[in-house]
Protein backbone atom coordinates (compact mmCIF):
# COMPACT_ATOMS: atom_id res chain seq x y z
CA MET A 1 -11.50 -35.29 93.46
CA LYS A 2 -8.56 -33.59 91.74
CA VAL A 3 -5.07 -34.91 92.50
CA LEU A 4 -1.68 -33.34 91.71
CA ILE A 5 1.03 -35.94 91.14
CA THR A 6 4.79 -35.57 90.68
CA GLY A 7 6.65 -38.49 89.12
CA GLY A 8 3.37 -39.63 87.58
CA SER A 9 4.91 -40.97 84.38
CA GLY A 10 6.77 -43.70 86.28
CA MET A 11 5.59 -47.25 86.95
CA ILE A 12 3.83 -46.47 90.24
CA GLY A 13 2.45 -43.16 89.04
CA ARG A 14 0.82 -44.67 85.96
CA ALA A 15 -0.80 -47.42 88.02
CA LEU A 16 -2.09 -44.91 90.57
CA ILE A 17 -3.45 -42.57 87.89
CA ALA A 18 -5.29 -45.43 86.18
CA SER A 19 -6.85 -46.45 89.49
CA LEU A 20 -7.92 -42.89 90.28
CA ALA A 21 -9.39 -42.45 86.81
CA SER A 22 -11.42 -45.65 87.19
CA SER A 23 -13.11 -44.00 90.19
CA GLY A 24 -13.79 -40.78 88.34
CA HIS A 25 -10.94 -38.73 89.83
CA GLN A 26 -8.81 -36.32 87.81
CA ALA A 27 -5.00 -36.28 87.84
CA LEU A 28 -2.73 -33.33 87.07
CA VAL A 29 0.77 -34.67 86.46
CA LEU A 30 3.84 -32.47 86.88
CA THR A 31 6.44 -33.59 84.36
CA ARG A 32 9.53 -32.11 82.75
CA ASN A 33 8.49 -33.52 79.36
CA PRO A 34 4.71 -33.12 78.87
CA GLN A 35 4.88 -33.97 75.16
CA SER A 36 6.50 -37.37 75.68
CA ALA A 37 5.05 -38.35 79.07
CA ARG A 38 3.47 -41.80 79.04
CA LEU A 39 0.25 -41.25 80.96
CA PRO A 40 -3.05 -43.14 81.21
CA GLY A 41 -5.99 -41.57 79.43
CA GLY A 42 -7.55 -38.58 81.13
CA ALA A 43 -4.42 -37.45 82.98
CA GLU A 44 -3.33 -33.89 82.24
CA PRO A 45 0.44 -33.30 81.92
CA VAL A 46 1.77 -30.02 83.30
CA GLN A 47 5.26 -28.64 82.64
CA TRP A 48 7.58 -28.09 85.61
CA ASP A 49 11.31 -27.91 86.26
CA ALA A 50 11.17 -30.15 89.38
CA GLN A 51 12.85 -27.37 91.36
CA SER A 52 10.39 -24.48 91.77
CA PRO A 53 6.65 -23.59 91.70
CA GLU A 54 7.13 -21.41 88.64
CA GLY A 55 4.39 -21.85 86.04
CA TRP A 56 2.31 -24.41 87.95
CA GLY A 57 2.12 -23.33 91.60
CA HIS A 58 -1.37 -21.88 91.15
CA LEU A 59 -2.71 -25.40 90.54
CA ILE A 60 -2.36 -26.18 94.24
CA ASP A 61 -5.49 -24.07 94.81
CA GLU A 62 -7.46 -26.51 92.64
CA VAL A 63 -6.49 -29.86 94.19
CA GLU A 64 -7.43 -31.73 97.34
CA VAL A 65 -4.55 -34.21 97.23
CA VAL A 66 -0.84 -34.01 96.37
CA VAL A 67 1.17 -37.17 95.70
CA ASN A 68 4.95 -36.77 95.55
CA LEU A 69 6.57 -39.64 93.65
CA ALA A 70 9.38 -37.57 92.11
CA GLY A 71 12.89 -39.01 92.05
CA GLU A 72 15.42 -40.40 89.59
CA ASN A 73 15.52 -44.20 89.28
CA LEU A 74 18.02 -45.69 91.74
CA GLY A 75 18.95 -48.44 89.27
CA GLY A 76 20.17 -48.42 85.71
CA LEU A 77 23.45 -46.49 86.09
CA PRO A 78 26.50 -46.85 88.39
CA TRP A 79 26.49 -44.62 91.46
CA THR A 80 29.21 -42.17 90.51
CA ASN A 81 29.49 -39.07 92.70
CA LYS A 82 27.60 -37.09 90.05
CA ARG A 83 24.89 -39.73 89.84
CA LYS A 84 24.50 -39.82 93.63
CA GLN A 85 24.06 -36.06 93.67
CA ILE A 86 21.31 -36.34 91.04
CA LEU A 87 19.55 -39.14 92.95
CA ARG A 88 19.39 -36.96 96.06
CA SER A 89 18.62 -33.60 94.46
CA SER A 90 15.85 -35.00 92.23
CA ARG A 91 14.01 -36.03 95.39
CA VAL A 92 14.80 -33.16 97.73
CA ASP A 93 14.36 -30.34 95.22
CA ALA A 94 10.96 -31.64 94.14
CA GLY A 95 9.79 -31.81 97.73
CA HIS A 96 10.96 -28.27 98.42
CA ALA A 97 9.13 -27.00 95.32
CA LEU A 98 5.88 -28.55 96.53
CA VAL A 99 6.31 -27.00 99.97
CA GLU A 100 6.88 -23.59 98.41
CA ALA A 101 3.78 -23.93 96.20
CA ILE A 102 1.62 -24.94 99.16
CA LYS A 103 3.00 -22.08 101.25
CA MET A 104 1.96 -19.60 98.52
CA SER A 105 -1.49 -21.15 97.93
CA SER A 106 -4.75 -19.58 99.02
CA ARG A 107 -6.38 -23.00 99.43
CA ARG A 108 -4.33 -25.80 100.94
CA PRO A 109 -4.69 -29.46 99.92
CA ARG A 110 -6.08 -31.70 102.64
CA VAL A 111 -3.36 -34.34 102.32
CA LEU A 112 0.12 -34.81 100.86
CA LEU A 113 1.32 -38.35 100.26
CA GLN A 114 5.12 -38.56 100.26
CA VAL A 115 6.70 -41.69 98.84
CA SER A 116 9.87 -43.12 100.38
CA GLY A 117 11.52 -46.53 100.62
CA THR A 118 12.40 -49.26 103.09
CA GLY A 119 16.01 -48.27 102.47
CA TYR A 120 15.24 -45.78 105.25
CA TYR A 121 16.07 -48.52 107.79
CA GLY A 122 19.46 -49.54 106.47
CA THR A 123 20.31 -53.19 105.86
CA SER A 124 20.50 -56.28 108.05
CA ASP A 125 20.26 -60.07 107.70
CA GLU A 126 19.05 -60.46 111.29
CA ALA A 127 16.98 -57.45 112.38
CA THR A 128 13.28 -56.90 111.73
CA PHE A 129 12.19 -53.33 111.04
CA THR A 130 8.81 -51.71 111.65
CA GLU A 131 7.63 -48.11 111.55
CA ARG A 132 8.96 -47.76 115.11
CA SER A 133 12.54 -48.52 114.02
CA GLU A 134 15.22 -45.84 113.69
CA HIS A 135 16.66 -44.90 110.32
CA GLY A 136 19.91 -46.44 109.12
CA SER A 137 23.24 -44.75 108.40
CA ASP A 138 24.13 -45.90 104.87
CA TYR A 139 23.73 -43.99 101.61
CA LEU A 140 20.21 -45.20 100.78
CA ALA A 141 19.04 -44.47 104.31
CA SER A 142 20.39 -40.93 104.10
CA ILE A 143 18.55 -40.34 100.82
CA CYS A 144 15.28 -41.57 102.32
CA VAL A 145 15.71 -39.39 105.40
CA ASP A 146 16.28 -36.29 103.26
CA TRP A 147 13.48 -37.29 100.86
CA GLU A 148 10.96 -37.54 103.67
CA ALA A 149 12.17 -34.35 105.34
CA SER A 150 11.77 -32.35 102.12
CA THR A 151 7.97 -32.10 102.55
CA GLN A 152 7.77 -32.09 106.36
CA PRO A 153 7.06 -28.32 106.58
CA VAL A 154 3.54 -28.79 105.15
CA GLU A 155 2.50 -30.28 108.48
CA THR A 156 2.84 -26.84 110.09
CA MET A 157 0.52 -25.48 107.36
CA GLY A 158 -2.36 -27.71 108.36
CA VAL A 159 -1.80 -30.33 105.66
CA ARG A 160 -2.07 -33.98 106.71
CA ARG A 161 1.09 -35.75 105.53
CA VAL A 162 1.42 -39.47 104.92
CA ILE A 163 4.72 -41.21 104.12
CA THR A 164 4.73 -44.57 102.34
CA ARG A 165 7.97 -46.53 102.68
CA LEU A 166 7.82 -48.92 99.76
CA GLY A 167 9.42 -52.31 99.60
CA VAL A 168 10.54 -53.96 96.35
CA VAL A 169 7.57 -53.28 94.07
CA LEU A 170 6.65 -56.18 91.79
CA SER A 171 5.07 -55.18 88.48
CA THR A 172 5.04 -56.23 84.84
CA GLU A 173 5.57 -52.60 83.84
CA GLY A 174 9.11 -52.20 85.16
CA GLY A 175 10.98 -52.01 88.44
CA ALA A 176 12.68 -55.01 89.99
CA LEU A 177 10.79 -57.96 88.48
CA PRO A 178 12.19 -57.76 84.90
CA ARG A 179 15.70 -57.57 86.40
CA PHE A 180 15.02 -60.69 88.48
CA LEU A 181 13.79 -62.43 85.33
CA TYR A 182 16.80 -61.65 83.17
CA PRO A 183 18.97 -64.59 84.35
CA TRP A 184 16.19 -67.01 83.40
CA LYS A 185 16.49 -65.77 79.83
CA LEU A 186 20.09 -67.02 79.94
CA TYR A 187 19.26 -70.17 81.96
CA VAL A 188 21.83 -69.19 84.61
CA ALA A 189 19.57 -68.13 87.49
CA GLY A 190 20.65 -68.63 91.07
CA PRO A 191 20.86 -66.80 94.41
CA LEU A 192 22.59 -63.41 94.36
CA GLY A 193 25.52 -63.36 96.75
CA SER A 194 24.77 -65.29 99.93
CA GLY A 195 21.06 -65.57 99.12
CA LYS A 196 20.31 -64.84 102.78
CA GLN A 197 19.52 -61.15 102.27
CA TRP A 198 15.86 -60.28 102.84
CA ILE A 199 13.52 -58.99 100.15
CA SER A 200 10.57 -57.03 101.52
CA TRP A 201 8.38 -57.09 98.44
CA VAL A 202 4.93 -55.77 97.56
CA HIS A 203 2.61 -56.28 94.58
CA ILE A 204 1.88 -53.14 92.53
CA GLN A 205 -1.86 -53.58 93.14
CA ASP A 206 -1.32 -53.40 96.90
CA VAL A 207 0.88 -50.30 96.45
CA VAL A 208 -1.95 -48.50 94.66
CA ASN A 209 -4.62 -49.79 97.03
CA GLY A 210 -2.51 -48.84 100.05
CA MET A 211 -1.88 -45.33 98.77
CA ARG A 212 -5.55 -44.74 98.06
CA PHE A 213 -6.48 -46.14 101.47
CA LEU A 214 -4.11 -43.73 103.20
CA ILE A 215 -5.27 -40.76 101.12
CA GLU A 216 -8.88 -41.43 102.06
CA ARG A 217 -8.36 -42.20 105.77
CA GLU A 218 -8.52 -38.88 107.60
CA ASP A 219 -6.91 -40.45 110.68
CA ALA A 220 -3.85 -41.66 108.75
CA ALA A 221 -0.70 -39.57 109.22
CA GLY A 222 3.01 -40.20 109.52
CA ALA A 223 5.06 -43.11 108.16
CA PHE A 224 3.61 -46.41 106.93
CA ASN A 225 5.59 -49.38 105.62
CA LEU A 226 4.00 -50.56 102.39
CA THR A 227 5.37 -54.10 102.24
CA ALA A 228 3.64 -57.47 102.05
CA PRO A 229 3.29 -59.45 105.31
CA GLU A 230 5.66 -62.20 104.06
CA PRO A 231 9.23 -60.97 103.43
CA VAL A 232 11.45 -63.69 101.96
CA THR A 233 15.16 -64.24 101.47
CA ASN A 234 16.73 -63.73 98.07
CA GLU A 235 17.16 -67.50 97.76
CA THR A 236 13.50 -68.18 98.60
CA PHE A 237 12.41 -65.50 96.14
CA GLY A 238 14.54 -67.11 93.43
CA HIS A 239 13.27 -70.63 94.11
CA THR A 240 9.65 -69.44 94.08
CA LEU A 241 10.15 -67.49 90.87
CA ALA A 242 11.83 -70.55 89.29
CA GLU A 243 8.87 -72.75 90.21
CA VAL A 244 6.35 -70.26 88.82
CA MET A 245 8.38 -69.85 85.60
CA GLY A 246 9.12 -73.56 85.27
CA ARG A 247 12.85 -72.87 85.03
CA PRO A 248 15.95 -74.24 86.83
CA PHE A 249 17.59 -72.51 89.78
CA TRP A 250 21.31 -73.15 89.78
CA ALA A 251 24.55 -71.88 91.31
CA PRO A 252 24.71 -68.52 93.11
CA VAL A 253 26.05 -65.39 91.45
CA PRO A 254 29.07 -64.44 93.62
CA ALA A 255 28.97 -61.13 95.44
CA PHE A 256 32.36 -60.04 94.11
CA ALA A 257 31.11 -60.31 90.52
CA LEU A 258 28.12 -58.10 91.24
CA LYS A 259 30.30 -55.58 93.08
CA ALA A 260 32.72 -55.49 90.15
CA LEU A 261 29.86 -54.96 87.70
CA TYR A 262 27.71 -52.47 89.63
CA GLY A 263 30.02 -50.95 92.25
CA GLU A 264 28.21 -49.34 95.20
CA MET A 265 24.86 -49.83 93.47
CA SER A 266 25.25 -53.60 94.07
CA THR A 267 23.99 -52.95 97.61
CA THR A 268 20.45 -52.84 96.16
CA VAL A 269 20.65 -56.59 95.45
CA LEU A 270 23.35 -57.86 97.85
CA ASP A 271 21.93 -56.23 100.97
CA GLY A 272 18.39 -56.26 102.25
CA GLN A 273 16.14 -55.81 105.22
CA ARG A 274 13.19 -57.62 106.75
CA VAL A 275 10.52 -54.94 106.97
CA LEU A 276 7.01 -55.46 108.36
CA SER A 277 3.99 -53.22 108.00
CA GLU A 278 2.36 -52.73 111.40
CA ARG A 279 0.45 -49.47 111.04
CA LEU A 280 -1.48 -50.21 107.82
CA PRO A 281 -3.08 -53.46 109.06
CA ALA A 282 -3.81 -51.73 112.38
CA LEU A 283 -5.98 -49.25 110.44
CA GLY A 284 -7.84 -52.10 108.75
CA PHE A 285 -5.99 -52.34 105.42
CA GLN A 286 -5.87 -55.85 103.94
CA PHE A 287 -3.23 -56.88 101.40
CA THR A 288 -4.63 -58.60 98.32
CA PHE A 289 -1.32 -60.42 97.87
CA ASP A 290 0.10 -61.36 101.26
CA ARG A 291 2.18 -64.31 100.02
CA LEU A 292 4.83 -64.35 97.30
CA ARG A 293 3.77 -67.26 95.13
CA PRO A 294 0.21 -66.02 94.42
CA ALA A 295 1.66 -62.56 93.72
CA LEU A 296 4.12 -63.93 91.16
CA GLU A 297 1.49 -66.20 89.62
CA ASP A 298 -0.78 -63.19 89.16
CA LEU A 299 1.95 -61.12 87.53
CA LEU A 300 3.34 -63.94 85.40
CA LYS A 301 0.06 -65.47 84.31
CA GLU A 302 -0.18 -66.82 80.78
CA GLY A 303 0.22 -64.01 78.29
CA SER A 304 2.63 -62.03 80.46
CA ARG A 305 5.54 -64.46 80.74
CA SER A 306 6.89 -64.17 77.21
CA PHE A 307 6.67 -60.38 77.32
CA LEU A 308 8.57 -60.15 80.60
CA VAL A 309 11.32 -62.51 79.51
CA ASP A 310 11.72 -60.68 76.20
CA GLN A 311 11.89 -57.30 77.92
CA ALA A 312 14.12 -58.32 80.84
């Protein structure tokens, strides 16, 4: 099987490519910087501008699967107006380019997997969200709505489309976990803000397994929450991480300090949502890591702890 992947040089993309390669599948990875792209062995980088099919659109005729992971990292920089425009356009423009390439192709892929996030549902300390829930009205929700809509036209072209709404992905290769670990390096870890905000997390192995499951299931279509069955509060997450790391868990970091430091981007840690995956288990998918402590123990096993703390 040949798979075309956008955003393949990121944390999730690299893990997915490695998994596909282990099963003998080939990955073509659209990237703006083919020479410097960090890709697992066997993956073929292909130049693109993330805005149009120019120079690569013909490759659609060669692949059975398209995976759209493209999008600038939501963290790392304050959400200035310019940054917010980049966050949205990097997602929407990439989706539109894929639609245009598929429209021009002589042989359509059988499935397109569109990544999204649980930010689609907005935030709440009380509500529980499933795939049946409506989208929220805040900034992250609006990005997710537009992100998902960017590839919707392929459904009228006979292409099965699957949307994966990812929770907080836990991995040793990047993402949220090193940021959670940083306070332990300073021995000042504690709940962020109230500590009552929900974290709907998922182990990177289950992300990859879930994506491959949905690609291979011909009866899978539409939106699927890719989150572990046991969401936890920020305080519970911190206590569990402290126990696994053998470190103290002290006073909370006040919300006003995080807002002063990160501005609007602080919503990614101060607000949360309790999201459950109903549709994946209904199809027979089983999470390898359904509880937080075993997931953290797997990721922070001996040999990984020092690296994560050093890199946080």
